[in-house]
Every structure is written in C-alpha cells, then in structure tokens.
Amino acid sequence: MLNEATALEGGFSNPVLNAQSVFRAVMDAMAKPATIVEVDAVVTPPSRLDRAAGAVACALIDTDTPFWLDATLAESTALRAWLTFHTGAREMATCGDVAFALVGAPQTMPPLERFAQGTQEYPNRSATLILQVPSLESGAPLTFEGPGIRDRVVLAPRGLPQDFAAQWKANRKRFPRGVDLILTTGDAIACLPRSARLVEMEG
C-alpha cells in the first residue's frame, strides 16, 4: 500500500512563486525553439521522473488539463499519486484525450499523430508532450528554423524515436494543428513548438 506521505512530499515549497518561475522558463524556451534553458526545478518527484519534468508538470498541469503517462512512468504508483496530488489533474487511460502527456521512454512512445492535434478553429486544443530524454546534447544533431530562431539552430537530444525526423515533419505540415514538445533532462529543458521546421538531420 502506498504511503500517503510519498504523494504529499517533494512538490513546490512556494507553489505560486515556484510555478511562476518554471512557467517563465517554459515560455522562454517556447519563444526560442531548440534552445536549452535551465529550470529552477525545486521539486523532488518519485525516482522515475527527473526534476525538470516534475517541475514543468507542477507548473503547467491543473484540474482542467488531464494528463497521460506512458507505460514506463505509469508503472510507478508513487509517481501517479504524486502527480495527481500536486497538480489536481486526472490521469487518463488513452493518450488522445489529454492536454499533457508525460513520456519516460520516448523511443517507444506512440506516434505524434496519436495525441490530440487540435482543430483548425481551435488549434490550442492539442497536446503538449513532456519528453524525458537522457541528454539534450549528445544525440544526433537536429537543425531547426522558423519563428523565434535566427537563421538556424541545432539541438542534439538523445533518446528520441528512431523515425523522429519524419514524425516531426508530418507534425509541422499539420500546422496550425499538431503537438508541441518539451524535452527535459536533469534541470534543463528545450522546447519544440509545432512551428519549428526540421530542415536537416546530420549524423
């Protein structure tokens, strides 16, 4: 049986100020796609979730935004209880019905098209995916251009799906529909809004 104290501990010590700080970091990262941004990740989630992912979840998810966990994260009863307690949100069984998805193993995650895409009239009804990756700097370099990017920018996350390039290009073609990504590792994040265009893949 889960110790109730496990769910109560490890959240923001100052929920308002901490959430505002993390929210600003996410907005900064969204405005500067594929740029690594440090997060003041003052949370201690259960071990399967890194600090940045936990902080982003606590800052963005609330009672109006149900979430989904991939199989890797859903195995942890402690994590599920922790997220529910600190966000007030409901966990959903299918990835197509949520505003936020937390993914602990991006290489085996469902295709991006399976998540909520929004509509032409309401593109904001799409999903934001929080992908926990081993590193943002030691993977195959991905080159992006688009709004918020001067010329081009390179990000090299490790642990993305093998066919990520094709999936992301298809996601971009659905614009203004499509999903947005927040990549996390340790205390850092990098965001890929659906407006970011993948122009080449090296390595």
N, C-alpha and C. Protein backbone atom coordinates (compact mmCIF):
# COMPACT_ATOMS: atom_id res chain seq x y z
N MET A 1 0.84 -1.20 0.00
CA MET A 1 0.00 0.00 0.00
C MET A 1 0.88 1.24 0.00
N LEU A 2 0.52 2.23 -0.83
CA LEU A 2 1.32 3.44 -0.96
C LEU A 2 1.25 4.27 0.31
N ASN A 3 2.40 4.67 0.81
CA ASN A 3 2.47 5.59 1.94
C ASN A 3 1.97 6.95 1.48
N GLU A 4 0.94 7.47 2.15
CA GLU A 4 0.35 8.74 1.73
C GLU A 4 1.35 9.88 1.75
N ALA A 5 2.32 9.82 2.65
CA ALA A 5 3.32 10.88 2.73
C ALA A 5 4.15 10.97 1.46
N THR A 6 4.29 9.86 0.74
CA THR A 6 5.07 9.86 -0.50
C THR A 6 4.47 10.82 -1.52
N ALA A 7 3.16 10.86 -1.61
CA ALA A 7 2.50 11.75 -2.55
C ALA A 7 2.53 13.20 -2.09
N LEU A 8 2.53 13.42 -0.77
CA LEU A 8 2.46 14.78 -0.25
C LEU A 8 3.79 15.52 -0.34
N GLU A 9 4.88 14.79 -0.34
CA GLU A 9 6.21 15.40 -0.29
C GLU A 9 6.76 15.68 -1.68
N GLY A 10 7.76 16.56 -1.73
CA GLY A 10 8.52 16.77 -2.95
C GLY A 10 7.95 17.73 -3.95
N GLY A 11 6.88 18.46 -3.61
CA GLY A 11 6.33 19.45 -4.52
C GLY A 11 6.99 20.81 -4.34
N PHE A 12 6.41 21.85 -4.95
CA PHE A 12 6.93 23.20 -4.79
C PHE A 12 6.84 23.62 -3.33
N SER A 13 7.91 24.21 -2.80
CA SER A 13 7.87 24.74 -1.43
C SER A 13 7.07 26.02 -1.36
N ASN A 14 7.14 26.82 -2.45
CA ASN A 14 6.32 28.03 -2.57
C ASN A 14 5.56 27.90 -3.88
N PRO A 15 4.38 27.29 -3.88
CA PRO A 15 3.70 26.93 -5.13
C PRO A 15 3.51 28.08 -6.10
N VAL A 16 3.17 29.27 -5.62
CA VAL A 16 2.91 30.38 -6.53
C VAL A 16 4.20 30.87 -7.18
N LEU A 17 5.20 31.19 -6.37
CA LEU A 17 6.46 31.72 -6.91
C LEU A 17 7.20 30.67 -7.73
N ASN A 18 7.25 29.44 -7.24
CA ASN A 18 7.94 28.39 -7.98
C ASN A 18 7.29 28.12 -9.32
N ALA A 19 5.96 28.04 -9.33
CA ALA A 19 5.24 27.79 -10.58
C ALA A 19 5.46 28.93 -11.57
N GLN A 20 5.46 30.16 -11.08
CA GLN A 20 5.69 31.31 -11.96
C GLN A 20 7.08 31.25 -12.58
N SER A 21 8.08 30.87 -11.78
CA SER A 21 9.45 30.78 -12.28
C SER A 21 9.58 29.72 -13.37
N VAL A 22 9.00 28.55 -13.13
CA VAL A 22 9.08 27.48 -14.13
C VAL A 22 8.28 27.84 -15.37
N PHE A 23 7.11 28.45 -15.18
CA PHE A 23 6.29 28.87 -16.32
C PHE A 23 7.05 29.85 -17.21
N ARG A 24 7.74 30.81 -16.59
CA ARG A 24 8.52 31.77 -17.38
C ARG A 24 9.62 31.05 -18.16
N ALA A 25 10.26 30.07 -17.54
CA ALA A 25 11.32 29.33 -18.23
C ALA A 25 10.76 28.57 -19.43
N VAL A 26 9.58 27.98 -19.27
CA VAL A 26 8.96 27.25 -20.38
C VAL A 26 8.58 28.22 -21.50
N MET A 27 8.01 29.38 -21.15
CA MET A 27 7.63 30.35 -22.17
C MET A 27 8.87 30.87 -22.91
N ASP A 28 9.97 31.06 -22.17
CA ASP A 28 11.21 31.49 -22.79
C ASP A 28 11.72 30.43 -23.76
N ALA A 29 11.65 29.17 -23.35
CA ALA A 29 12.10 28.08 -24.21
C ALA A 29 11.19 27.91 -25.42
N MET A 30 9.90 28.13 -25.26
CA MET A 30 8.98 28.06 -26.41
C MET A 30 9.25 29.20 -27.39
N ALA A 31 9.61 30.37 -26.85
CA ALA A 31 9.88 31.53 -27.71
C ALA A 31 11.21 31.39 -28.44
N LYS A 32 12.10 30.54 -27.92
CA LYS A 32 13.41 30.29 -28.52
C LYS A 32 13.55 28.80 -28.78
N PRO A 33 12.86 28.28 -29.79
CA PRO A 33 12.82 26.83 -30.00
C PRO A 33 14.20 26.21 -30.11
N ALA A 34 14.30 24.97 -29.61
CA ALA A 34 15.52 24.17 -29.70
C ALA A 34 16.70 24.78 -28.95
N THR A 35 16.42 25.67 -28.01
CA THR A 35 17.45 26.28 -27.17
C THR A 35 17.36 25.71 -25.76
N ILE A 36 18.47 25.29 -25.20
CA ILE A 36 18.47 24.71 -23.87
C ILE A 36 18.32 25.82 -22.82
N VAL A 37 17.36 25.64 -21.93
CA VAL A 37 17.07 26.62 -20.88
C VAL A 37 17.11 25.91 -19.53
N GLU A 38 17.81 26.51 -18.57
CA GLU A 38 17.85 25.95 -17.22
C GLU A 38 16.55 26.26 -16.49
N VAL A 39 16.08 25.31 -15.69
CA VAL A 39 14.85 25.46 -14.92
C VAL A 39 15.17 25.37 -13.44
N ASP A 40 14.55 26.26 -12.67
CA ASP A 40 14.71 26.20 -11.22
C ASP A 40 13.80 25.09 -10.71
N ALA A 41 14.26 23.87 -10.86
CA ALA A 41 13.42 22.68 -10.64
C ALA A 41 13.43 22.28 -9.17
N VAL A 42 12.76 23.07 -8.36
CA VAL A 42 12.77 22.85 -6.92
C VAL A 42 11.68 21.85 -6.51
N VAL A 43 11.71 20.69 -7.12
CA VAL A 43 10.81 19.61 -6.75
C VAL A 43 11.63 18.33 -6.61
N THR A 44 11.06 17.36 -5.92
CA THR A 44 11.69 16.05 -5.79
C THR A 44 10.64 15.00 -6.09
N PRO A 45 10.41 14.74 -7.37
CA PRO A 45 9.39 13.73 -7.73
C PRO A 45 9.91 12.33 -7.47
N PRO A 46 9.02 11.34 -7.47
CA PRO A 46 9.47 9.95 -7.38
C PRO A 46 10.51 9.65 -8.46
N SER A 47 11.34 8.66 -8.21
CA SER A 47 12.59 8.46 -8.95
C SER A 47 12.45 8.31 -10.46
N ARG A 48 11.33 7.88 -10.97
CA ARG A 48 11.23 7.66 -12.42
C ARG A 48 11.14 8.97 -13.20
N LEU A 49 10.87 10.08 -12.52
CA LEU A 49 10.70 11.36 -13.19
C LEU A 49 11.85 12.29 -12.82
N ASP A 50 12.47 12.95 -13.81
CA ASP A 50 13.54 13.88 -13.48
C ASP A 50 12.97 15.19 -12.93
N ARG A 51 13.83 15.99 -12.34
CA ARG A 51 13.38 17.21 -11.67
C ARG A 51 12.72 18.19 -12.62
N ALA A 52 13.30 18.38 -13.80
CA ALA A 52 12.74 19.34 -14.75
C ALA A 52 11.35 18.91 -15.19
N ALA A 53 11.17 17.62 -15.50
CA ALA A 53 9.86 17.14 -15.92
C ALA A 53 8.84 17.30 -14.81
N GLY A 54 9.25 17.02 -13.57
CA GLY A 54 8.35 17.19 -12.45
C GLY A 54 7.96 18.64 -12.22
N ALA A 55 8.93 19.54 -12.35
CA ALA A 55 8.65 20.96 -12.17
C ALA A 55 7.73 21.49 -13.27
N VAL A 56 7.99 21.09 -14.50
CA VAL A 56 7.13 21.52 -15.62
C VAL A 56 5.71 21.01 -15.42
N ALA A 57 5.58 19.76 -15.01
CA ALA A 57 4.26 19.20 -14.77
C ALA A 57 3.52 19.98 -13.68
N CYS A 58 4.20 20.27 -12.59
CA CYS A 58 3.56 21.00 -11.50
C CYS A 58 3.19 22.43 -11.89
N ALA A 59 3.95 23.03 -12.80
CA ALA A 59 3.67 24.40 -13.21
C ALA A 59 2.57 24.50 -14.26
N LEU A 60 2.44 23.51 -15.13
CA LEU A 60 1.54 23.62 -16.27
C LEU A 60 0.24 22.85 -16.12
N ILE A 61 0.27 21.72 -15.45
CA ILE A 61 -0.91 20.85 -15.37
C ILE A 61 -1.78 21.26 -14.19
N ASP A 62 -3.09 21.33 -14.42
CA ASP A 62 -4.01 21.67 -13.33
C ASP A 62 -5.31 20.88 -13.48
N THR A 63 -6.29 21.24 -12.71
CA THR A 63 -7.54 20.47 -12.68
C THR A 63 -8.27 20.45 -14.01
N ASP A 64 -7.98 21.41 -14.88
CA ASP A 64 -8.66 21.48 -16.18
C ASP A 64 -7.89 20.80 -17.29
N THR A 65 -6.71 20.25 -16.98
CA THR A 65 -5.86 19.67 -18.03
C THR A 65 -5.46 18.24 -17.66
N PRO A 66 -6.25 17.25 -18.04
CA PRO A 66 -5.93 15.86 -17.73
C PRO A 66 -4.60 15.44 -18.37
N PHE A 67 -3.96 14.46 -17.76
CA PHE A 67 -2.65 14.02 -18.25
C PHE A 67 -2.65 12.52 -18.53
N TRP A 68 -1.65 12.10 -19.30
CA TRP A 68 -1.43 10.68 -19.63
C TRP A 68 0.02 10.35 -19.35
N LEU A 69 0.27 9.14 -18.88
CA LEU A 69 1.62 8.65 -18.65
C LEU A 69 1.92 7.48 -19.57
N ASP A 70 3.12 7.44 -20.13
CA ASP A 70 3.49 6.27 -20.91
C ASP A 70 3.72 5.09 -19.97
N ALA A 71 3.91 3.90 -20.54
CA ALA A 71 3.99 2.68 -19.74
C ALA A 71 5.13 2.73 -18.73
N THR A 72 6.25 3.34 -19.10
CA THR A 72 7.40 3.41 -18.21
C THR A 72 7.07 4.18 -16.93
N LEU A 73 6.38 5.30 -17.07
CA LEU A 73 6.04 6.11 -15.90
C LEU A 73 4.82 5.57 -15.17
N ALA A 74 3.86 5.02 -15.92
CA ALA A 74 2.63 4.53 -15.31
C ALA A 74 2.86 3.34 -14.38
N GLU A 75 4.00 2.67 -14.53
CA GLU A 75 4.31 1.54 -13.65
C GLU A 75 4.50 1.97 -12.21
N SER A 76 4.80 3.27 -12.00
CA SER A 76 5.09 3.76 -10.66
C SER A 76 3.82 4.30 -10.00
N THR A 77 3.31 3.55 -9.04
CA THR A 77 2.14 4.00 -8.28
C THR A 77 2.46 5.29 -7.53
N ALA A 78 3.67 5.40 -7.00
CA ALA A 78 4.07 6.60 -6.27
C ALA A 78 4.05 7.83 -7.17
N LEU A 79 4.53 7.69 -8.39
CA LEU A 79 4.55 8.82 -9.31
C LEU A 79 3.14 9.24 -9.69
N ARG A 80 2.29 8.29 -9.96
CA ARG A 80 0.91 8.62 -10.34
C ARG A 80 0.22 9.37 -9.21
N ALA A 81 0.42 8.92 -7.98
CA ALA A 81 -0.19 9.59 -6.83
C ALA A 81 0.41 10.99 -6.64
N TRP A 82 1.73 11.11 -6.84
CA TRP A 82 2.42 12.39 -6.67
C TRP A 82 1.90 13.42 -7.68
N LEU A 83 1.77 13.02 -8.92
CA LEU A 83 1.28 13.95 -9.95
C LEU A 83 -0.17 14.36 -9.68
N THR A 84 -0.99 13.41 -9.31
CA THR A 84 -2.39 13.73 -9.05
C THR A 84 -2.52 14.70 -7.87
N PHE A 85 -1.74 14.46 -6.82
CA PHE A 85 -1.81 15.33 -5.65
C PHE A 85 -1.30 16.74 -5.96
N HIS A 86 -0.15 16.86 -6.62
CA HIS A 86 0.48 18.16 -6.80
C HIS A 86 -0.08 18.96 -7.98
N THR A 87 -0.83 18.34 -8.87
CA THR A 87 -1.42 19.07 -9.98
C THR A 87 -2.94 19.20 -9.87
N GLY A 88 -3.57 18.28 -9.14
CA GLY A 88 -5.02 18.27 -9.05
C GLY A 88 -5.69 17.74 -10.30
N ALA A 89 -4.90 17.22 -11.24
CA ALA A 89 -5.44 16.77 -12.53
C ALA A 89 -5.78 15.28 -12.50
N ARG A 90 -6.62 14.89 -13.46
CA ARG A 90 -7.00 13.48 -13.61
C ARG A 90 -6.06 12.79 -14.59
N GLU A 91 -5.70 11.57 -14.27
CA GLU A 91 -4.94 10.75 -15.22
C GLU A 91 -5.93 10.07 -16.16
N MET A 92 -5.62 10.07 -17.45
CA MET A 92 -6.48 9.44 -18.45
C MET A 92 -5.80 8.19 -18.99
N ALA A 93 -6.61 7.26 -19.48
CA ALA A 93 -6.09 5.97 -19.92
C ALA A 93 -5.53 6.01 -21.34
N THR A 94 -5.99 6.94 -22.16
CA THR A 94 -5.55 7.00 -23.56
C THR A 94 -4.89 8.32 -23.87
N CYS A 95 -3.89 8.29 -24.73
CA CYS A 95 -3.10 9.48 -25.00
C CYS A 95 -3.82 10.51 -25.86
N GLY A 96 -4.88 10.10 -26.55
CA GLY A 96 -5.57 11.03 -27.44
C GLY A 96 -6.55 11.94 -26.76
N ASP A 97 -6.73 11.77 -25.45
CA ASP A 97 -7.75 12.52 -24.72
C ASP A 97 -7.19 13.54 -23.76
N VAL A 98 -5.91 13.87 -23.86
CA VAL A 98 -5.29 14.69 -22.82
C VAL A 98 -4.67 15.97 -23.37
N ALA A 99 -4.51 16.93 -22.45
CA ALA A 99 -3.81 18.17 -22.78
C ALA A 99 -2.30 18.01 -22.61
N PHE A 100 -1.89 17.13 -21.67
CA PHE A 100 -0.48 16.91 -21.41
C PHE A 100 -0.18 15.42 -21.34
N ALA A 101 0.95 15.04 -21.89
CA ALA A 101 1.43 13.65 -21.81
C ALA A 101 2.85 13.67 -21.28
N LEU A 102 3.13 12.82 -20.31
CA LEU A 102 4.48 12.68 -19.78
C LEU A 102 5.04 11.35 -20.27
N VAL A 103 6.21 11.42 -20.87
CA VAL A 103 6.79 10.25 -21.53
C VAL A 103 8.17 9.98 -20.95
N GLY A 104 8.34 8.81 -20.34
CA GLY A 104 9.63 8.45 -19.77
C GLY A 104 10.53 7.69 -20.73
N ALA A 105 9.94 7.13 -21.79
CA ALA A 105 10.72 6.37 -22.78
C ALA A 105 10.30 6.81 -24.18
N PRO A 106 10.79 7.96 -24.64
CA PRO A 106 10.36 8.48 -25.94
C PRO A 106 10.60 7.54 -27.11
N GLN A 107 11.61 6.68 -27.03
CA GLN A 107 11.91 5.80 -28.16
C GLN A 107 10.78 4.82 -28.45
N THR A 108 9.94 4.54 -27.45
CA THR A 108 8.85 3.60 -27.64
C THR A 108 7.48 4.25 -27.48
N MET A 109 7.42 5.56 -27.52
CA MET A 109 6.16 6.27 -27.34
C MET A 109 5.26 6.11 -28.57
N PRO A 110 3.94 6.33 -28.41
CA PRO A 110 3.06 6.30 -29.58
C PRO A 110 3.45 7.38 -30.58
N PRO A 111 3.09 7.23 -31.86
CA PRO A 111 3.38 8.26 -32.85
C PRO A 111 2.75 9.60 -32.45
N LEU A 112 3.37 10.69 -32.85
CA LEU A 112 2.87 12.02 -32.51
C LEU A 112 1.43 12.23 -32.97
N GLU A 113 1.07 11.62 -34.08
CA GLU A 113 -0.28 11.81 -34.62
C GLU A 113 -1.36 11.20 -33.74
N ARG A 114 -0.97 10.33 -32.79
CA ARG A 114 -1.95 9.69 -31.91
C ARG A 114 -2.43 10.63 -30.79
N PHE A 115 -1.69 11.68 -30.53
CA PHE A 115 -2.05 12.61 -29.47
C PHE A 115 -3.01 13.67 -30.01
N ALA A 116 -3.69 14.36 -29.10
CA ALA A 116 -4.66 15.38 -29.51
C ALA A 116 -3.98 16.42 -30.40
N GLN A 117 -4.59 16.67 -31.56
CA GLN A 117 -4.00 17.55 -32.57
C GLN A 117 -4.62 18.95 -32.60
N GLY A 118 -5.74 19.14 -31.88
CA GLY A 118 -6.47 20.39 -32.02
C GLY A 118 -7.24 20.40 -33.32
N THR A 119 -7.91 21.51 -33.61
CA THR A 119 -8.65 21.66 -34.86
C THR A 119 -8.21 22.94 -35.54
N GLN A 120 -8.61 23.12 -36.77
CA GLN A 120 -8.28 24.36 -37.48
C GLN A 120 -8.84 25.56 -36.73
N GLU A 121 -10.05 25.41 -36.17
CA GLU A 121 -10.68 26.51 -35.44
C GLU A 121 -10.09 26.68 -34.04
N TYR A 122 -9.71 25.56 -33.41
CA TYR A 122 -9.19 25.59 -32.04
C TYR A 122 -7.89 24.80 -31.96
N PRO A 123 -6.81 25.32 -32.55
CA PRO A 123 -5.55 24.57 -32.52
C PRO A 123 -4.96 24.44 -31.12
N ASN A 124 -5.41 25.28 -30.19
CA ASN A 124 -4.91 25.22 -28.83
C ASN A 124 -5.44 24.00 -28.06
N ARG A 125 -6.34 23.26 -28.66
CA ARG A 125 -6.87 22.05 -28.02
C ARG A 125 -6.00 20.83 -28.32
N SER A 126 -4.77 21.07 -28.65
CA SER A 126 -3.83 19.98 -28.93
C SER A 126 -3.07 19.62 -27.66
N ALA A 127 -2.25 18.60 -27.75
CA ALA A 127 -1.48 18.13 -26.59
C ALA A 127 -0.08 18.72 -26.56
N THR A 128 0.41 18.90 -25.35
CA THR A 128 1.82 19.22 -25.12
C THR A 128 2.45 17.99 -24.51
N LEU A 129 3.54 17.52 -25.12
CA LEU A 129 4.22 16.31 -24.68
C LEU A 129 5.48 16.69 -23.91
N ILE A 130 5.60 16.18 -22.70
CA ILE A 130 6.80 16.38 -21.88
C ILE A 130 7.62 15.10 -22.00
N LEU A 131 8.70 15.18 -22.76
CA LEU A 131 9.51 14.00 -23.06
C LEU A 131 10.79 14.03 -22.22
N GLN A 132 10.97 13.00 -21.43
CA GLN A 132 12.17 12.89 -20.61
C GLN A 132 13.24 12.17 -21.41
N VAL A 133 14.36 12.85 -21.69
CA VAL A 133 15.43 12.27 -22.50
C VAL A 133 16.71 12.18 -21.68
N PRO A 134 17.61 11.27 -22.04
CA PRO A 134 18.86 11.14 -21.29
C PRO A 134 19.77 12.36 -21.39
N SER A 135 19.72 13.05 -22.54
CA SER A 135 20.59 14.20 -22.74
C SER A 135 20.01 15.09 -23.84
N LEU A 136 20.31 16.38 -23.76
CA LEU A 136 19.92 17.31 -24.81
C LEU A 136 21.09 17.67 -25.71
N GLU A 137 22.24 17.05 -25.47
CA GLU A 137 23.44 17.49 -26.18
C GLU A 137 24.27 16.37 -26.79
N SER A 138 23.94 15.11 -26.56
CA SER A 138 24.84 14.04 -27.02
C SER A 138 24.19 13.12 -28.05
N GLY A 139 23.07 13.54 -28.63
CA GLY A 139 22.41 12.73 -29.64
C GLY A 139 22.73 13.19 -31.05
N ALA A 140 21.97 12.67 -32.01
CA ALA A 140 22.14 13.09 -33.40
C ALA A 140 21.68 14.53 -33.56
N PRO A 141 22.49 15.40 -34.14
CA PRO A 141 22.12 16.81 -34.28
C PRO A 141 20.90 16.99 -35.18
N LEU A 142 19.96 17.82 -34.73
CA LEU A 142 18.76 18.17 -35.48
C LEU A 142 18.80 19.68 -35.72
N THR A 143 18.60 20.09 -36.95
CA THR A 143 18.68 21.50 -37.30
C THR A 143 17.29 22.06 -37.56
N PHE A 144 16.97 23.15 -36.88
CA PHE A 144 15.64 23.75 -36.97
C PHE A 144 15.72 25.19 -37.45
N GLU A 145 14.62 25.63 -38.07
CA GLU A 145 14.44 27.04 -38.40
C GLU A 145 12.96 27.37 -38.20
N GLY A 146 12.65 28.66 -38.22
CA GLY A 146 11.26 29.06 -38.05
C GLY A 146 11.12 30.22 -37.08
N PRO A 147 9.90 30.54 -36.68
CA PRO A 147 9.66 31.66 -35.77
C PRO A 147 10.43 31.52 -34.46
N GLY A 148 11.08 32.60 -34.04
CA GLY A 148 11.86 32.59 -32.81
C GLY A 148 13.29 32.12 -32.99
N ILE A 149 13.65 31.69 -34.20
CA ILE A 149 15.00 31.18 -34.47
C ILE A 149 15.69 32.11 -35.46
N ARG A 150 16.85 32.60 -35.10
CA ARG A 150 17.64 33.41 -36.02
C ARG A 150 18.44 32.48 -36.92
N ASP A 151 18.16 32.53 -38.21
CA ASP A 151 18.77 31.63 -39.18
C ASP A 151 18.40 30.18 -38.84
N ARG A 152 19.33 29.45 -38.23
CA ARG A 152 19.08 28.06 -37.86
C ARG A 152 19.68 27.78 -36.49
N VAL A 153 19.15 26.74 -35.83
CA VAL A 153 19.68 26.34 -34.53
C VAL A 153 19.75 24.81 -34.50
N VAL A 154 20.75 24.29 -33.83
CA VAL A 154 20.96 22.85 -33.76
C VAL A 154 20.74 22.37 -32.33
N LEU A 155 19.96 21.32 -32.19
CA LEU A 155 19.74 20.66 -30.91
C LEU A 155 20.07 19.18 -31.12
N ALA A 156 20.69 18.55 -30.12
CA ALA A 156 21.11 17.16 -30.27
C ALA A 156 20.60 16.30 -29.13
N PRO A 157 19.29 16.14 -29.01
CA PRO A 157 18.75 15.30 -27.93
C PRO A 157 19.02 13.82 -28.20
N ARG A 158 19.25 13.09 -27.12
CA ARG A 158 19.45 11.65 -27.22
C ARG A 158 18.21 10.94 -26.68
N GLY A 159 17.78 9.88 -27.36
CA GLY A 159 16.68 9.09 -26.86
C GLY A 159 15.34 9.33 -27.52
N LEU A 160 15.31 10.03 -28.65
CA LEU A 160 14.07 10.25 -29.38
C LEU A 160 13.74 9.02 -30.24
N PRO A 161 12.51 8.91 -30.72
CA PRO A 161 12.17 7.78 -31.61
C PRO A 161 13.07 7.76 -32.84
N GLN A 162 13.32 6.58 -33.36
CA GLN A 162 14.21 6.43 -34.50
C GLN A 162 13.70 7.20 -35.71
N ASP A 163 12.38 7.27 -35.86
CA ASP A 163 11.80 7.97 -37.01
C ASP A 163 11.31 9.37 -36.63
N PHE A 164 11.97 9.98 -35.63
CA PHE A 164 11.51 11.29 -35.15
C PHE A 164 11.47 12.33 -36.25
N ALA A 165 12.49 12.35 -37.12
CA ALA A 165 12.55 13.37 -38.17
C ALA A 165 11.30 13.32 -39.04
N ALA A 166 10.91 12.13 -39.47
CA ALA A 166 9.73 12.00 -40.31
C ALA A 166 8.46 12.38 -39.54
N GLN A 167 8.39 11.97 -38.28
CA GLN A 167 7.21 12.30 -37.48
C GLN A 167 7.09 13.81 -37.28
N TRP A 168 8.24 14.47 -37.03
CA TRP A 168 8.18 15.91 -36.77
C TRP A 168 7.82 16.69 -38.04
N LYS A 169 8.34 16.26 -39.16
CA LYS A 169 7.99 16.93 -40.41
C LYS A 169 6.50 16.79 -40.70
N ALA A 170 5.93 15.63 -40.41
CA ALA A 170 4.48 15.44 -40.58
C ALA A 170 3.70 16.30 -39.61
N ASN A 171 4.21 16.43 -38.38
CA ASN A 171 3.56 17.29 -37.39
C ASN A 171 3.56 18.73 -37.85
N ARG A 172 4.67 19.17 -38.42
CA ARG A 172 4.78 20.56 -38.90
C ARG A 172 3.80 20.82 -40.04
N LYS A 173 3.58 19.83 -40.88
CA LYS A 173 2.66 20.00 -42.01
C LYS A 173 1.21 20.17 -41.56
N ARG A 174 0.90 19.72 -40.35
CA ARG A 174 -0.47 19.87 -39.84
C ARG A 174 -0.72 21.24 -39.25
N PHE A 175 0.28 22.10 -39.20
CA PHE A 175 0.15 23.43 -38.61
C PHE A 175 -1.03 24.19 -39.24
N PRO A 176 -1.87 24.88 -38.42
CA PRO A 176 -1.69 25.23 -37.01
C PRO A 176 -2.04 24.12 -36.03
N ARG A 177 -2.53 22.97 -36.54
CA ARG A 177 -2.74 21.82 -35.68
C ARG A 177 -1.39 21.17 -35.37
N GLY A 178 -1.42 20.16 -34.51
CA GLY A 178 -0.17 19.46 -34.18
C GLY A 178 0.20 19.62 -32.72
N VAL A 179 1.17 18.83 -32.29
CA VAL A 179 1.58 18.83 -30.89
C VAL A 179 2.83 19.70 -30.69
N ASP A 180 3.04 20.11 -29.44
CA ASP A 180 4.25 20.82 -29.03
C ASP A 180 5.02 19.90 -28.08
N LEU A 181 6.34 20.01 -28.09
CA LEU A 181 7.18 19.16 -27.26
C LEU A 181 7.99 19.98 -26.27
N ILE A 182 8.09 19.45 -25.05
CA ILE A 182 9.02 19.98 -24.06
C ILE A 182 9.96 18.83 -23.71
N LEU A 183 11.22 18.94 -24.09
CA LEU A 183 12.22 17.92 -23.79
C LEU A 183 12.88 18.28 -22.47
N THR A 184 13.01 17.31 -21.57
CA THR A 184 13.59 17.58 -20.26
C THR A 184 14.71 16.61 -19.95
N THR A 185 15.66 17.09 -19.17
CA THR A 185 16.70 16.24 -18.61
C THR A 185 17.32 16.97 -17.44
N GLY A 186 17.42 16.32 -16.29
CA GLY A 186 18.01 16.98 -15.12
C GLY A 186 17.26 18.24 -14.75
N ASP A 187 17.94 19.39 -14.82
CA ASP A 187 17.35 20.69 -14.53
C ASP A 187 17.23 21.56 -15.77
N ALA A 188 17.18 20.95 -16.94
CA ALA A 188 17.15 21.71 -18.18
C ALA A 188 16.02 21.25 -19.08
N ILE A 189 15.56 22.18 -19.92
CA ILE A 189 14.53 21.87 -20.90
C ILE A 189 14.91 22.47 -22.25
N ALA A 190 14.29 21.98 -23.30
CA ALA A 190 14.33 22.59 -24.62
C ALA A 190 12.97 22.33 -25.25
N CYS A 191 12.39 23.34 -25.85
CA CYS A 191 11.05 23.22 -26.40
C CYS A 191 11.06 23.19 -27.93
N LEU A 192 10.15 22.40 -28.46
CA LEU A 192 9.93 22.35 -29.90
C LEU A 192 8.45 22.63 -30.16
N PRO A 193 8.10 23.90 -30.34
CA PRO A 193 6.72 24.20 -30.73
C PRO A 193 6.46 23.69 -32.14
N ARG A 194 5.20 23.47 -32.46
CA ARG A 194 4.85 22.89 -33.77
C ARG A 194 5.29 23.77 -34.94
N SER A 195 5.59 25.04 -34.67
CA SER A 195 6.02 25.95 -35.73
C SER A 195 7.47 25.74 -36.14
N ALA A 196 8.26 24.99 -35.34
CA ALA A 196 9.67 24.76 -35.65
C ALA A 196 9.80 23.79 -36.81
N ARG A 197 10.55 24.17 -37.81
CA ARG A 197 10.75 23.34 -39.00
C ARG A 197 12.08 22.61 -38.93
N LEU A 198 12.04 21.31 -39.06
CA LEU A 198 13.25 20.49 -39.10
C LEU A 198 13.78 20.51 -40.53
N VAL A 199 14.95 21.09 -40.70
CA VAL A 199 15.43 21.28 -42.07
C VAL A 199 16.50 20.29 -42.48
N GLU A 200 17.17 19.66 -41.53
CA GLU A 200 18.12 18.62 -41.90
C GLU A 200 18.47 17.81 -40.67
N MET A 201 18.93 16.60 -40.90
CA MET A 201 19.35 15.73 -39.81
C MET A 201 20.72 15.20 -40.15
N GLU A 202 21.69 15.46 -39.27
CA GLU A 202 23.06 15.07 -39.51
C GLU A 202 23.40 13.87 -38.63
N GLY A 203 24.36 13.11 -39.08
CA GLY A 203 24.84 12.01 -38.25
C GLY A 203 23.99 10.77 -38.36
